[in-house]
C-alpha atoms as a PDB file:
ATOM      1  CA  MET A   1     -19.579 -19.343  -2.099  1.00  0.00           C
ATOM      2  CA  LYS A   2     -17.466 -16.173  -2.064  1.00  0.00           C
ATOM      3  CA  TYR A   3     -19.819 -14.556  -4.564  1.00  0.00           C
ATOM      4  CA  LEU A   4     -22.789 -15.363  -2.320  1.00  0.00           C
ATOM      5  CA  GLN A   5     -20.989 -14.039   0.749  1.00  0.00           C
ATOM      6  CA  THR A   6     -20.086 -10.828  -1.073  1.00  0.00           C
ATOM      7  CA  ALA A   7     -23.673 -10.379  -2.249  1.00  0.00           C
ATOM      8  CA  LEU A   8     -25.054 -10.922   1.255  1.00  0.00           C
ATOM      9  CA  ILE A   9     -22.664  -8.486   2.945  1.00  0.00           C
ATOM     10  CA  SER A  10     -22.974  -5.775   0.321  1.00  0.00           C
ATOM     11  CA  GLY A  11     -26.748  -6.265   0.134  1.00  0.00           C
ATOM     12  CA  LEU A  12     -27.114  -5.807   3.879  1.00  0.00           C
ATOM     13  CA  LEU A  13     -24.950  -2.691   3.869  1.00  0.00           C
ATOM     14  CA  ARG A  14     -26.871  -1.267   0.903  1.00  0.00           C
ATOM     15  CA  THR A  15     -30.059  -1.754   2.912  1.00  0.00           C
ATOM     16  CA  PHE A  16     -28.597   0.198   5.827  1.00  0.00           C
ATOM     17  CA  ALA A  17     -27.599   2.933   3.365  1.00  0.00           C
ATOM     18  CA  VAL A  18     -31.227   3.632   2.394  1.00  0.00           C
ATOM     19  CA  LEU A  19     -32.570   3.509   5.939  1.00  0.00           C
ATOM     20  CA  PRO A  20     -32.650   6.705   8.040  1.00  0.00           C
ATOM     21  CA  TYR A  21     -29.306   7.306   9.710  1.00  0.00           C
ATOM     22  CA  GLY A  22     -30.870   7.657  13.166  1.00  0.00           C
ATOM     23  CA  LEU A  23     -32.623   4.299  12.821  1.00  0.00           C
ATOM     24  CA  VAL A  24     -29.434   2.513  11.791  1.00  0.00           C
ATOM     25  CA  ALA A  25     -27.531   4.137  14.661  1.00  0.00           C
ATOM     26  CA  ARG A  26     -30.156   3.023  17.179  1.00  0.00           C
ATOM     27  CA  LEU A  27     -30.168  -0.491  15.761  1.00  0.00           C
ATOM     28  CA  GLY A  28     -26.394  -0.603  16.114  1.00  0.00           C
ATOM     29  CA  GLU A  29     -26.518   0.526  19.725  1.00  0.00           C
ATOM     30  CA  ALA A  30     -29.190  -2.033  20.573  1.00  0.00           C
ATOM     31  CA  LEU A  31     -27.250  -4.829  18.883  1.00  0.00           C
ATOM     32  CA  GLY A  32     -24.079  -3.739  20.650  1.00  0.00           C
ATOM     33  CA  TYR A  33     -25.864  -3.800  24.004  1.00  0.00           C
ATOM     34  CA  LEU A  34     -27.036  -7.372  23.408  1.00  0.00           C
ATOM     35  CA  LEU A  35     -23.719  -8.649  22.048  1.00  0.00           C
ATOM     36  CA  TYR A  36     -21.842  -7.187  25.001  1.00  0.00           C
ATOM     37  CA  LEU A  37     -23.791  -9.533  27.264  1.00  0.00           C
ATOM     38  CA  ILE A  38     -22.157 -12.511  25.539  1.00  0.00           C
ATOM     39  CA  PRO A  39     -18.638 -13.324  26.782  1.00  0.00           C
ATOM     40  CA  GLY A  40     -16.196 -13.227  23.897  1.00  0.00           C
ATOM     41  CA  ARG A  41     -12.679 -12.431  22.758  1.00  0.00           C
ATOM     42  CA  ARG A  42     -13.345  -8.814  21.784  1.00  0.00           C
ATOM     43  CA  ARG A  43     -15.082  -8.072  25.080  1.00  0.00           C
ATOM     44  CA  HIS A  44     -12.111  -9.554  26.934  1.00  0.00           C
ATOM     45  CA  ILE A  45      -9.663  -7.396  24.959  1.00  0.00           C
ATOM     46  CA  LEU A  46     -11.758  -4.281  25.547  1.00  0.00           C
ATOM     47  CA  ARG A  47     -11.978  -4.847  29.295  1.00  0.00           C
ATOM     48  CA  THR A  48      -8.270  -5.605  29.547  1.00  0.00           C
ATOM     49  CA  ASN A  49      -7.351  -2.403  27.717  1.00  0.00           C
ATOM     50  CA  LEU A  50      -9.562  -0.303  29.965  1.00  0.00           C
ATOM     51  CA  ARG A  51      -8.170  -1.955  33.096  1.00  0.00           C
ATOM     52  CA  LEU A  52      -4.631  -1.146  31.973  1.00  0.00           C
ATOM     53  CA  CYS A  53      -5.341   2.404  30.817  1.00  0.00           C
ATOM     54  CA  PHE A  54      -7.766   3.556  33.519  1.00  0.00           C
ATOM     55  CA  PRO A  55      -6.554   1.936  36.765  1.00  0.00           C
ATOM     56  CA  GLU A  56      -7.901   4.924  38.695  1.00  0.00           C
ATOM     57  CA  GLN A  57     -11.491   4.010  37.796  1.00  0.00           C
ATOM     58  CA  SER A  58     -13.579   1.532  39.723  1.00  0.00           C
ATOM     59  CA  ALA A  59     -14.571  -1.786  38.145  1.00  0.00           C
ATOM     60  CA  ALA A  60     -18.141  -0.504  37.796  1.00  0.00           C
ATOM     61  CA  GLN A  61     -16.984   2.658  36.027  1.00  0.00           C
ATOM     62  CA  ARG A  62     -14.858   0.675  33.599  1.00  0.00           C
ATOM     63  CA  ASP A  63     -17.703  -1.732  32.911  1.00  0.00           C
ATOM     64  CA  ARG A  64     -20.030   1.136  31.990  1.00  0.00           C
ATOM     65  CA  LEU A  65     -17.340   2.581  29.727  1.00  0.00           C
ATOM     66  CA  ALA A  66     -16.745  -0.834  28.161  1.00  0.00           C
ATOM     67  CA  ARG A  67     -20.442  -1.328  27.448  1.00  0.00           C
ATOM     68  CA  THR A  68     -20.838   2.080  25.787  1.00  0.00           C
ATOM     69  CA  SER A  69     -17.622   1.630  23.824  1.00  0.00           C
ATOM     70  CA  PHE A  70     -18.770  -1.761  22.550  1.00  0.00           C
ATOM     71  CA  GLN A  71     -22.056  -0.215  21.447  1.00  0.00           C
ATOM     72  CA  HIS A  72     -20.133   2.423  19.476  1.00  0.00           C
ATOM     73  CA  VAL A  73     -18.070  -0.287  17.771  1.00  0.00           C
ATOM     74  CA  ILE A  74     -21.078  -2.344  16.658  1.00  0.00           C
ATOM     75  CA  ARG A  75     -22.955   0.786  15.672  1.00  0.00           C
ATOM     76  CA  SER A  76     -20.030   1.861  13.500  1.00  0.00           C
ATOM     77  CA  TYR A  77     -20.187  -1.450  11.630  1.00  0.00           C
ATOM     78  CA  LEU A  78     -23.838  -0.913  10.719  1.00  0.00           C
ATOM     79  CA  GLU A  79     -23.163   2.689   9.745  1.00  0.00           C
ATOM     80  CA  ARG A  80     -20.690   1.445   7.136  1.00  0.00           C
ATOM     81  CA  GLY A  81     -23.801   1.088   5.008  1.00  0.00           C
ATOM     82  CA  THR A  82     -24.203   4.864   4.711  1.00  0.00           C
ATOM     83  CA  GLN A  83     -20.456   5.424   4.609  1.00  0.00           C
ATOM     84  CA  TRP A  84     -19.645   2.809   1.974  1.00  0.00           C
ATOM     85  CA  TYR A  85     -22.818   2.840  -0.129  1.00  0.00           C
ATOM     86  CA  GLY A  86     -24.574   6.129   0.578  1.00  0.00           C
ATOM     87  CA  SER A  87     -24.308   8.985  -1.876  1.00  0.00           C
ATOM     88  CA  ALA A  88     -21.714  11.730  -1.516  1.00  0.00           C
ATOM     89  CA  ARG A  89     -24.540  14.130  -0.792  1.00  0.00           C
ATOM     90  CA  ALA A  90     -25.979  11.940   1.972  1.00  0.00           C
ATOM     91  CA  LEU A  91     -22.590  11.523   3.621  1.00  0.00           C
ATOM     92  CA  SER A  92     -21.770  15.228   3.331  1.00  0.00           C
ATOM     93  CA  ARG A  93     -24.965  16.128   5.186  1.00  0.00           C
ATOM     94  CA  LEU A  94     -23.821  14.041   8.138  1.00  0.00           C
ATOM     95  CA  VAL A  95     -20.309  15.460   8.577  1.00  0.00           C
ATOM     96  CA  GLN A  96     -19.291  18.733  10.191  1.00  0.00           C
ATOM     97  CA  VAL A  97     -15.737  19.976   9.709  1.00  0.00           C
ATOM     98  CA  ASP A  98     -13.622  22.087  12.054  1.00  0.00           C
ATOM     99  CA  SER A  99     -10.173  22.547  10.521  1.00  0.00           C
ATOM    100  CA  ALA A 100      -7.161  24.381  11.870  1.00  0.00           C
ATOM    101  CA  ILE A 101      -5.546  24.350   8.426  1.00  0.00           C
ATOM    102  CA  ASP A 102      -6.726  25.717   5.112  1.00  0.00           C
ATOM    103  CA  LEU A 103      -8.119  22.788   3.145  1.00  0.00           C
ATOM    104  CA  GLN A 104      -7.094  23.097  -0.494  1.00  0.00           C
ATOM    105  CA  ASP A 105      -6.969  20.745  -3.462  1.00  0.00           C
ATOM    106  CA  ARG A 106      -3.173  20.811  -3.415  1.00  0.00           C
ATOM    107  CA  TYR A 107      -0.763  21.737  -0.645  1.00  0.00           C
ATOM    108  CA  ASP A 108       2.481  23.704  -0.881  1.00  0.00           C
ATOM    109  CA  GLN A 109       4.064  21.291   1.579  1.00  0.00           C
ATOM    110  CA  PRO A 110       3.632  17.493   1.468  1.00  0.00           C
ATOM    111  CA  THR A 111       1.002  16.510   4.024  1.00  0.00           C
ATOM    112  CA  ILE A 112       0.474  13.378   6.095  1.00  0.00           C
ATOM    113  CA  PHE A 113      -2.932  13.249   7.763  1.00  0.00           C
ATOM    114  CA  LEU A 114      -2.529  11.225  10.954  1.00  0.00           C
ATOM    115  CA  GLY A 115      -5.757   9.477  11.944  1.00  0.00           C
ATOM    116  CA  PHE A 116      -6.782   7.365  14.909  1.00  0.00           C
ATOM    117  CA  HIS A 117      -9.226   4.512  15.387  1.00  0.00           C
ATOM    118  CA  PHE A 118     -12.260   6.273  16.770  1.00  0.00           C
ATOM    119  CA  ALA A 119     -15.756   5.070  15.899  1.00  0.00           C
ATOM    120  CA  ALA A 120     -16.256   7.697  13.168  1.00  0.00           C
ATOM    121  CA  ILE A 121     -12.917   7.323  11.362  1.00  0.00           C
ATOM    122  CA  GLU A 122     -14.526   5.792   8.245  1.00  0.00           C
ATOM    123  CA  ALA A 123     -16.976   8.679   7.879  1.00  0.00           C
ATOM    124  CA  ALA A 124     -14.216  11.267   8.330  1.00  0.00           C
ATOM    125  CA  CYS A 125     -11.868   9.740   5.755  1.00  0.00           C
ATOM    126  CA  LEU A 126     -14.585   9.172   3.168  1.00  0.00           C
ATOM    127  CA  TYR A 127     -15.916  12.690   3.566  1.00  0.00           C
ATOM    128  CA  TYR A 128     -12.472  14.186   3.024  1.00  0.00           C
ATOM    129  CA  SER A 129     -12.042  12.034  -0.089  1.00  0.00           C
ATOM    130  CA  ILE A 130     -15.174  13.651  -1.532  1.00  0.00           C
ATOM    131  CA  LEU A 131     -13.560  17.078  -1.225  1.00  0.00           C
ATOM    132  CA  HIS A 132      -9.957  16.382  -2.222  1.00  0.00           C
ATOM    133  CA  PRO A 133      -7.818  13.850  -4.098  1.00  0.00           C
ATOM    134  CA  MET A 134      -5.958  11.755  -1.550  1.00  0.00           C
ATOM    135  CA  ALA A 135      -4.212   8.471  -0.869  1.00  0.00           C
ATOM    136  CA  SER A 136      -4.780   6.204   2.105  1.00  0.00           C
ATOM    137  CA  LEU A 137      -2.723   3.450   3.680  1.00  0.00           C
ATOM    138  CA  TYR A 138      -4.730   0.361   4.520  1.00  0.00           C
ATOM    139  CA  THR A 139      -4.120  -2.962   6.216  1.00  0.00           C
ATOM    140  CA  PRO A 140      -5.508  -5.858   4.133  1.00  0.00           C
ATOM    141  CA  MET A 141      -8.112  -7.857   6.048  1.00  0.00           C
ATOM    142  CA  SER A 142      -7.702 -11.601   6.527  1.00  0.00           C
ATOM    143  CA  ASP A 143     -11.138 -12.270   5.032  1.00  0.00           C
ATOM    144  CA  GLU A 144     -10.842 -11.862   1.256  1.00  0.00           C
ATOM    145  CA  VAL A 145     -14.496 -10.966   0.722  1.00  0.00           C
ATOM    146  CA  THR A 146     -14.612  -8.261   3.380  1.00  0.00           C
ATOM    147  CA  ASN A 147     -11.252  -6.938   2.229  1.00  0.00           C
ATOM    148  CA  ALA A 148     -12.420  -6.617  -1.383  1.00  0.00           C
ATOM    149  CA  ILE A 149     -15.606  -4.809  -0.354  1.00  0.00           C
ATOM    150  CA  SER A 150     -13.877  -2.415   2.049  1.00  0.00           C
ATOM    151  CA  LYS A 151     -11.077  -1.558  -0.372  1.00  0.00           C
ATOM    152  CA  GLY A 152     -13.513  -0.952  -3.207  1.00  0.00           C
ATOM    153  CA  GLN A 153     -15.898   1.219  -1.208  1.00  0.00           C
ATOM    154  CA  ARG A 154     -13.196   3.205   0.560  1.00  0.00           C
ATOM    155  CA  SER A 155     -11.774   4.173  -2.821  1.00  0.00           C
ATOM    156  CA  ARG A 156     -15.117   4.942  -4.491  1.00  0.00           C
ATOM    157  CA  PHE A 157     -14.529   8.708  -4.506  1.00  0.00           C
ATOM    158  CA  GLY A 158     -11.105   8.331  -6.089  1.00  0.00           C
ATOM    159  CA  THR A 159      -8.868   7.601  -3.114  1.00  0.00           C
ATOM    160  CA  GLU A 160      -5.644   5.828  -4.038  1.00  0.00           C
ATOM    161  CA  MET A 161      -5.357   2.819  -1.726  1.00  0.00           C
ATOM    162  CA  ILE A 162      -1.800   1.844  -0.726  1.00  0.00           C
ATOM    163  CA  PRO A 163      -1.113  -1.396   1.209  1.00  0.00           C
ATOM    164  CA  ARG A 164       0.517  -0.648   4.550  1.00  0.00           C
ATOM    165  CA  HIS A 165       3.317  -3.113   3.881  1.00  0.00           C
ATOM    166  CA  GLY A 166       3.889  -1.851   0.351  1.00  0.00           C
ATOM    167  CA  SER A 167       6.810   0.170  -0.902  1.00  0.00           C
ATOM    168  CA  ALA A 168       7.741   3.363   0.946  1.00  0.00           C
ATOM    169  CA  ARG A 169       8.740   4.724  -2.441  1.00  0.00           C
ATOM    170  CA  ASP A 170       5.105   4.644  -3.542  1.00  0.00           C
ATOM    171  CA  ILE A 171       4.087   6.705  -0.515  1.00  0.00           C
ATOM    172  CA  LEU A 172       6.893   9.207  -1.033  1.00  0.00           C
ATOM    173  CA  LYS A 173       5.968   9.543  -4.697  1.00  0.00           C
ATOM    174  CA  VAL A 174       2.375  10.358  -3.768  1.00  0.00           C
ATOM    175  CA  LEU A 175       3.434  12.884  -1.131  1.00  0.00           C
ATOM    176  CA  LYS A 176       5.780  14.671  -3.498  1.00  0.00           C
ATOM    177  CA  SER A 177       3.031  14.850  -6.137  1.00  0.00           C
ATOM    178  CA  GLY A 178       1.050  17.138  -3.813  1.00  0.00           C
ATOM    179  CA  LYS A 179      -1.566  14.572  -2.870  1.00  0.00           C
ATOM    180  CA  PRO A 180      -1.988  14.133   0.909  1.00  0.00           C
ATOM    181  CA  VAL A 181      -1.692  10.688   2.469  1.00  0.00           C
ATOM    182  CA  MET A 182      -3.933   9.491   5.297  1.00  0.00           C
ATOM    183  CA  LEU A 183      -2.693   6.839   7.681  1.00  0.00           C
ATOM    184  CA  ALA A 184      -3.266   5.576  11.202  1.00  0.00           C
ATOM    185  CA  ALA A 185      -0.438   4.534  13.527  1.00  0.00           C
ATOM    186  CA  ASP A 186      -2.270   3.661  16.739  1.00  0.00           C
ATOM    187  CA  MET A 187      -2.228  -0.134  16.448  1.00  0.00           C
ATOM    188  CA  ASP A 188       0.395  -2.786  17.141  1.00  0.00           C
ATOM    189  CA  PHE A 189       1.683  -3.620  13.652  1.00  0.00           C
ATOM    190  CA  GLY A 190       4.699  -5.605  14.811  1.00  0.00           C
ATOM    191  CA  LEU A 191       8.227  -4.960  16.027  1.00  0.00           C
ATOM    192  CA  ARG A 192       9.592  -3.918  12.646  1.00  0.00           C
ATOM    193  CA  ASP A 193      10.018  -0.130  12.431  1.00  0.00           C
ATOM    194  CA  SER A 194       8.483   0.258  15.892  1.00  0.00           C
ATOM    195  CA  VAL A 195       9.546   1.247  19.386  1.00  0.00           C
ATOM    196  CA  PHE A 196       8.043   0.737  22.822  1.00  0.00           C
ATOM    197  CA  VAL A 197       6.849   4.008  24.355  1.00  0.00           C
ATOM    198  CA  PRO A 198       4.201   4.717  27.009  1.00  0.00           C
ATOM    199  CA  PHE A 199       0.518   4.912  26.148  1.00  0.00           C
ATOM    200  CA  PHE A 200      -1.639   5.635  29.197  1.00  0.00           C
ATOM    201  CA  GLY A 201       1.431   4.687  31.212  1.00  0.00           C
ATOM    202  CA  VAL A 202       1.741   1.262  29.581  1.00  0.00           C
ATOM    203  CA  GLU A 203       4.554   0.427  27.163  1.00  0.00           C
ATOM    204  CA  ALA A 204       3.012   0.086  23.680  1.00  0.00           C
ATOM    205  CA  CYS A 205       4.613  -1.048  20.430  1.00  0.00           C
ATOM    206  CA  THR A 206       4.348   2.136  18.325  1.00  0.00           C
ATOM    207  CA  LEU A 207       5.199   2.714  14.667  1.00  0.00           C
ATOM    208  CA  THR A 208       8.079   4.983  13.731  1.00  0.00           C
ATOM    209  CA  ALA A 209       7.001   5.066  10.063  1.00  0.00           C
ATOM    210  CA  VAL A 210       5.194   8.399  10.428  1.00  0.00           C
ATOM    211  CA  SER A 211       8.258  10.346  11.518  1.00  0.00           C
ATOM    212  CA  ARG A 212      10.476   8.489   9.039  1.00  0.00           C
ATOM    213  CA  LEU A 213       8.163   9.327   6.121  1.00  0.00           C
ATOM    214  CA  ALA A 214       7.923  12.931   7.263  1.00  0.00           C
ATOM    215  CA  GLN A 215      11.703  13.136   7.503  1.00  0.00           C
ATOM    216  CA  LEU A 216      12.238  11.703   4.018  1.00  0.00           C
ATOM    217  CA  SER A 217       9.512  13.745   2.302  1.00  0.00           C
ATOM    218  CA  GLY A 218       9.616  16.982   4.257  1.00  0.00           C
ATOM    219  CA  ALA A 219       5.927  16.496   5.029  1.00  0.00           C
ATOM    220  CA  ARG A 220       4.031  18.136   7.850  1.00  0.00           C
ATOM    221  CA  VAL A 221       2.057  15.739  10.037  1.00  0.00           C
ATOM    222  CA  VAL A 222      -1.515  16.916  10.588  1.00  0.00           C
ATOM    223  CA  PRO A 223      -3.523  14.901  13.127  1.00  0.00           C
ATOM    224  CA  PHE A 224      -7.278  14.580  12.769  1.00  0.00           C
ATOM    225  CA  VAL A 225      -9.919  13.161  15.086  1.00  0.00           C
ATOM    226  CA  SER A 226     -13.388  11.900  14.210  1.00  0.00           C
ATOM    227  CA  GLU A 227     -16.288  12.161  16.626  1.00  0.00           C
ATOM    228  CA  VAL A 228     -19.805  10.736  16.724  1.00  0.00           C
ATOM    229  CA  LEU A 229     -22.086  13.647  17.558  1.00  0.00           C
ATOM    230  CA  PRO A 230     -24.812  13.267  20.202  1.00  0.00           C
ATOM    231  CA  ASP A 231     -28.517  12.978  19.411  1.00  0.00           C
ATOM    232  CA  TYR A 232     -27.800  11.128  16.149  1.00  0.00           C
ATOM    233  CA  ARG A 233     -26.671  14.330  14.418  1.00  0.00           C
ATOM    234  CA  GLY A 234     -23.892  12.640  12.483  1.00  0.00           C
ATOM    235  CA  TYR A 235     -20.154  13.144  12.779  1.00  0.00           C
ATOM    236  CA  LYS A 236     -17.508  15.786  13.318  1.00  0.00           C
ATOM    237  CA  LEU A 237     -14.136  15.861  11.581  1.00  0.00           C
ATOM    238  CA  GLN A 238     -11.672  17.829  13.702  1.00  0.00           C
ATOM    239  CA  ILE A 239      -8.425  18.663  11.883  1.00  0.00           C
ATOM    240  CA  HIS A 240      -5.762  19.905  14.289  1.00  0.00           C
ATOM    241  CA  PRO A 241      -2.690  22.060  13.598  1.00  0.00           C
ATOM    242  CA  ALA A 242       0.375  20.236  12.320  1.00  0.00           C
ATOM    243  CA  LEU A 243       2.441  18.663  15.089  1.00  0.00           C
ATOM    244  CA  ALA A 244       5.115  21.112  16.190  1.00  0.00           C
ATOM    245  CA  ALA A 245       8.785  20.207  15.687  1.00  0.00           C
ATOM    246  CA  PHE A 246       7.777  16.924  14.091  1.00  0.00           C
ATOM    247  CA  PRO A 247       9.766  15.029  13.029  1.00  0.00           C
ATOM    248  CA  SER A 248      12.338  15.822  15.684  1.00  0.00           C
ATOM    249  CA  GLY A 249      15.088  13.536  14.445  1.00  0.00           C
ATOM    250  CA  ASP A 250      14.420  11.139  17.323  1.00  0.00           C
ATOM    251  CA  VAL A 251      11.931   8.417  16.316  1.00  0.00           C
ATOM    252  CA  ARG A 252      11.304   7.414  19.931  1.00  0.00           C
ATOM    253  CA  ALA A 253      10.449  10.990  20.914  1.00  0.00           C
ATOM    254  CA  ASP A 254       8.178  11.293  17.872  1.00  0.00           C
ATOM    255  CA  ALA A 255       6.358   8.061  18.745  1.00  0.00           C
ATOM    256  CA  LEU A 256       5.807   9.364  22.263  1.00  0.00           C
ATOM    257  CA  THR A 257       4.465  12.662  20.856  1.00  0.00           C
ATOM    258  CA  MET A 258       1.886  10.750  18.808  1.00  0.00           C
ATOM    259  CA  ASN A 259       0.812   8.641  21.773  1.00  0.00           C
ATOM    260  CA  GLN A 260       0.514  11.662  24.060  1.00  0.00           C
ATOM    261  CA  PHE A 261      -1.607  13.515  21.501  1.00  0.00           C
ATOM    262  CA  LEU A 262      -3.875  10.488  21.088  1.00  0.00           C
ATOM    263  CA  GLU A 263      -4.172   9.959  24.821  1.00  0.00           C
ATOM    264  CA  ALA A 264      -5.376  13.540  25.275  1.00  0.00           C
ATOM    265  CA  ARG A 265      -7.983  13.101  22.535  1.00  0.00           C
ATOM    266  CA  ILE A 266      -9.192   9.786  23.976  1.00  0.00           C
ATOM    267  CA  ARG A 267      -9.770  11.385  27.358  1.00  0.00           C
ATOM    268  CA  GLU A 268     -12.225  13.758  25.619  1.00  0.00           C
ATOM    269  CA  THR A 269     -14.387  10.915  24.246  1.00  0.00           C
ATOM    270  CA  PRO A 270     -13.085   7.675  25.820  1.00  0.00           C
ATOM    271  CA  ASP A 271     -16.126   5.623  24.849  1.00  0.00           C
ATOM    272  CA  GLN A 272     -15.622   6.285  21.125  1.00  0.00           C
ATOM    273  CA  TYR A 273     -12.146   4.787  20.854  1.00  0.00           C
ATOM    274  CA  TYR A 274     -11.711   1.280  19.406  1.00  0.00           C
ATOM    275  CA  TRP A 275     -10.592  -0.437  22.590  1.00  0.00           C
ATOM    276  CA  VAL A 276     -11.385  -3.784  20.946  1.00  0.00           C
ATOM    277  CA  HIS A 277      -7.959  -3.739  19.242  1.00  0.00           C
ATOM    278  CA  ARG A 278      -5.046  -5.529  20.922  1.00  0.00           C
ATOM    279  CA  ARG A 279      -3.043  -2.349  21.456  1.00  0.00           C
ATOM    280  CA  PHE A 280      -0.685  -4.105  23.872  1.00  0.00           C
ATOM    281  CA  LYS A 281      -0.347  -7.341  21.889  1.00  0.00           C
ATOM    282  CA  ARG A 282       3.461  -7.362  21.911  1.00  0.00           C
ATOM    283  CA  ARG A 283       5.311  -6.759  25.142  1.00  0.00           C
ATOM    284  CA  PRO A 284       8.850  -5.610  25.876  1.00  0.00           C
ATOM    285  CA  GLN A 285      11.284  -8.475  26.383  1.00  0.00           C
ATOM    286  CA  GLY A 286      10.636 -10.216  29.666  1.00  0.00           C
ATOM    287  CA  GLU A 287       7.050  -8.970  30.123  1.00  0.00           C
ATOM    288  CA  ALA A 288       4.180 -11.431  30.252  1.00  0.00           C
ATOM    289  CA  PRO A 289       1.296 -11.219  27.726  1.00  0.00           C
ATOM    290  CA  VAL A 290      -1.636  -9.106  28.913  1.00  0.00           C
ATOM    291  CA  TYR A 291      -4.457 -10.709  26.940  1.00  0.00           C
END
């Protein structure tokens, strides 16, 4: 059964990989529009997040944002075909890069690339892995078949995949070898090694691992943002300057710095962020659940 499921999923994604990118993107938007009409758990999470983060907007404004955001999410799933199974050349044609740092095969200082869950994050990470050797932290998926496919395809250009809950020593070893590490810290991964700091004015359980790793390794933390370009022109990978005075020695202050940076980037393209994640899953002691 698992073999059949794997064959079906990979076969479908391989089909999307050979279709024109613009066609797949339009199909994803259309499917997202239809699926948004069906009440479901992800739609509820999305709407709750937007209500909490954009209280200044009217209900109609938030609904329009929710609909467009949901379309981006579903579209991104279909575009995994090109990202996971398309050739390096095909993917490279779709990605524009604007970098504030000099991209080299090896870096004089250990480097942590800090990513965020925007709709084009897969395309950005895979494109970078074509250019440079790298390692990436990943969270194993609950579905074994999907997890095996995603891990295999994300590493197809040589990326070293490191489980998020693996040994910190492995990450430090990679950083000190000169290979950059990509990770995302904008989800609720539990209370361990986390603090509650504001995100859009709402207390959010935020990882302290980024500043701790930077402190231990002497790494700079370089944030990057991925964007879906208009008119089906592909994606943009925006690599920002390293965060200033980071780590600061105060993990709570560092967590707040990350959230403030992300909040500013979200306000630039709010519909492209993955609002379908339960960002406020855990609440400070005494607060009621929000979902």
